[in-house]
Amino acid sequence: MTDDEGDVERSVRVVLFRRDSAGVPRPIWSDGSEELLDSAAVLVAPENVPRQVVHALLECEVLSEFAADPWLNQHRALVFDDNRCEVGGYTLAYHDQFGVYAIEET
């Protein structure tokens, strides 16, 4: 399937983190375990986020901890501060009910 500009739709797998008060990234759906798959998501352009966000995330390296794991070896880390982060010229927000979405171009 292609979008309006003829580019193939792209997606990227991410693990969502929220920085705690000490500045340490913690999985968003952390129940005390180290289960990162519970905090994993797939972002699809242009349905979920702009194409530039997906392209920027695909340019990021996979963390070495993820690369060694067969379930996470295609995932990138997405770290939110106060439920926001900047990627590919866009501000992304995280909401517990709605997930990840772009709120504005920076």
Protein backbone atom coordinates (compact mmCIF):
# COMPACT_ATOMS: atom_id res chain seq x y z
CA MET A 1 0.00 0.00 0.00
CA THR A 2 1.25 3.53 -0.71
CA ASP A 3 0.40 6.96 0.59
CA ASP A 4 -0.46 10.18 -1.31
CA GLU A 5 3.14 10.83 -2.34
CA GLY A 6 3.78 7.32 -3.61
CA ASP A 7 6.05 6.30 -0.74
CA VAL A 8 5.54 2.86 0.71
CA GLU A 9 3.90 3.10 4.12
CA ARG A 10 6.45 2.54 6.80
CA SER A 11 6.30 1.35 10.36
CA VAL A 12 8.74 1.13 13.21
CA ARG A 13 8.69 -0.99 16.34
CA VAL A 14 9.41 0.87 19.55
CA VAL A 15 9.61 0.25 23.27
CA LEU A 16 8.06 3.11 25.21
CA PHE A 17 9.88 4.50 28.22
CA ARG A 18 9.00 7.26 30.68
CA ARG A 19 11.80 9.06 32.51
CA ASP A 20 11.25 8.90 36.28
CA SER A 21 11.96 11.69 38.79
CA ALA A 22 15.60 10.59 39.03
CA GLY A 23 15.96 10.81 35.23
CA VAL A 24 16.08 7.04 34.73
CA PRO A 25 14.08 5.67 31.77
CA ARG A 26 11.52 3.06 32.90
CA PRO A 27 9.20 1.03 30.67
CA ILE A 28 5.82 2.75 30.47
CA TRP A 29 3.94 -0.42 31.38
CA SER A 30 6.27 -1.42 34.18
CA ASP A 31 4.84 -3.67 36.86
CA GLY A 32 8.16 -4.03 38.60
CA SER A 33 9.32 -6.72 36.21
CA GLU A 34 11.77 -6.09 33.40
CA GLU A 35 9.18 -7.11 30.82
CA LEU A 36 9.86 -4.73 27.93
CA LEU A 37 7.42 -6.37 25.54
CA ASP A 38 4.54 -4.99 27.62
CA SER A 39 5.76 -1.50 26.66
CA ALA A 40 6.28 -2.29 22.97
CA ALA A 41 4.27 -0.66 20.17
CA VAL A 42 4.29 -0.28 16.40
CA LEU A 43 4.08 3.23 14.96
CA VAL A 44 2.73 3.42 11.41
CA ALA A 45 3.01 6.40 9.05
CA PRO A 46 0.88 8.19 8.14
CA GLU A 47 -1.91 6.67 10.29
CA ASN A 48 -0.34 7.03 13.75
CA VAL A 49 2.51 9.48 13.29
CA PRO A 50 3.97 11.54 10.44
CA ARG A 51 6.26 9.81 7.97
CA GLN A 52 9.23 11.91 9.18
CA VAL A 53 8.89 10.42 12.66
CA VAL A 54 9.03 6.85 11.37
CA HIS A 55 12.00 7.66 9.11
CA ALA A 56 13.88 9.36 11.98
CA LEU A 57 13.30 6.38 14.30
CA LEU A 58 14.40 3.91 11.61
CA GLU A 59 17.67 5.85 11.39
CA CYS A 60 18.31 5.26 15.11
CA GLU A 61 20.39 2.29 16.14
CA VAL A 62 18.77 -0.60 17.94
CA LEU A 63 20.02 -0.67 21.54
CA SER A 64 22.50 -3.46 22.21
CA GLU A 65 20.19 -4.88 24.90
CA PHE A 66 17.42 -5.10 22.30
CA ALA A 67 19.66 -6.44 19.52
CA ALA A 68 20.54 -9.50 21.61
CA ASP A 69 16.87 -10.34 22.20
CA PRO A 70 15.00 -12.16 19.40
CA TRP A 71 11.72 -10.46 20.38
CA LEU A 72 13.15 -6.92 20.55
CA ASN A 73 15.91 -6.92 17.94
CA GLN A 74 13.96 -4.62 15.58
CA HIS A 75 12.75 -2.18 18.27
CA ARG A 76 13.97 1.35 18.96
CA ALA A 77 13.70 3.08 22.34
CA LEU A 78 11.30 6.02 22.60
CA VAL A 79 11.80 7.94 25.88
CA PHE A 80 9.15 10.39 27.09
CA ASP A 81 9.73 13.23 29.56
CA ASP A 82 6.43 14.44 31.03
CA ASN A 83 4.67 12.29 28.39
CA ARG A 84 6.37 14.14 25.50
CA CYS A 85 9.39 13.63 23.29
CA GLU A 86 10.75 15.12 20.07
CA VAL A 87 11.45 12.98 17.02
CA GLY A 88 11.96 13.91 13.38
CA GLY A 89 10.94 17.53 13.90
CA TYR A 90 7.70 16.62 15.69
CA THR A 91 6.62 16.60 19.31
CA LEU A 92 5.10 13.26 20.23
CA ALA A 93 2.86 12.74 23.22
CA TYR A 94 1.88 9.62 25.13
CA HIS A 95 -1.53 9.05 26.67
CA ASP A 96 -2.40 5.91 28.67
CA GLN A 97 -5.65 5.45 26.73
CA PHE A 98 -4.72 6.74 23.24
CA GLY A 99 -1.05 5.75 23.03
CA VAL A 100 1.52 7.69 21.00
CA TYR A 101 0.48 10.54 18.73
CA ALA A 102 2.02 13.65 17.14
CA ILE A 103 0.81 16.91 18.65
CA GLU A 104 2.80 19.48 16.68
CA GLU A 105 5.64 20.11 14.29
CA THR A 106 8.61 21.71 16.04
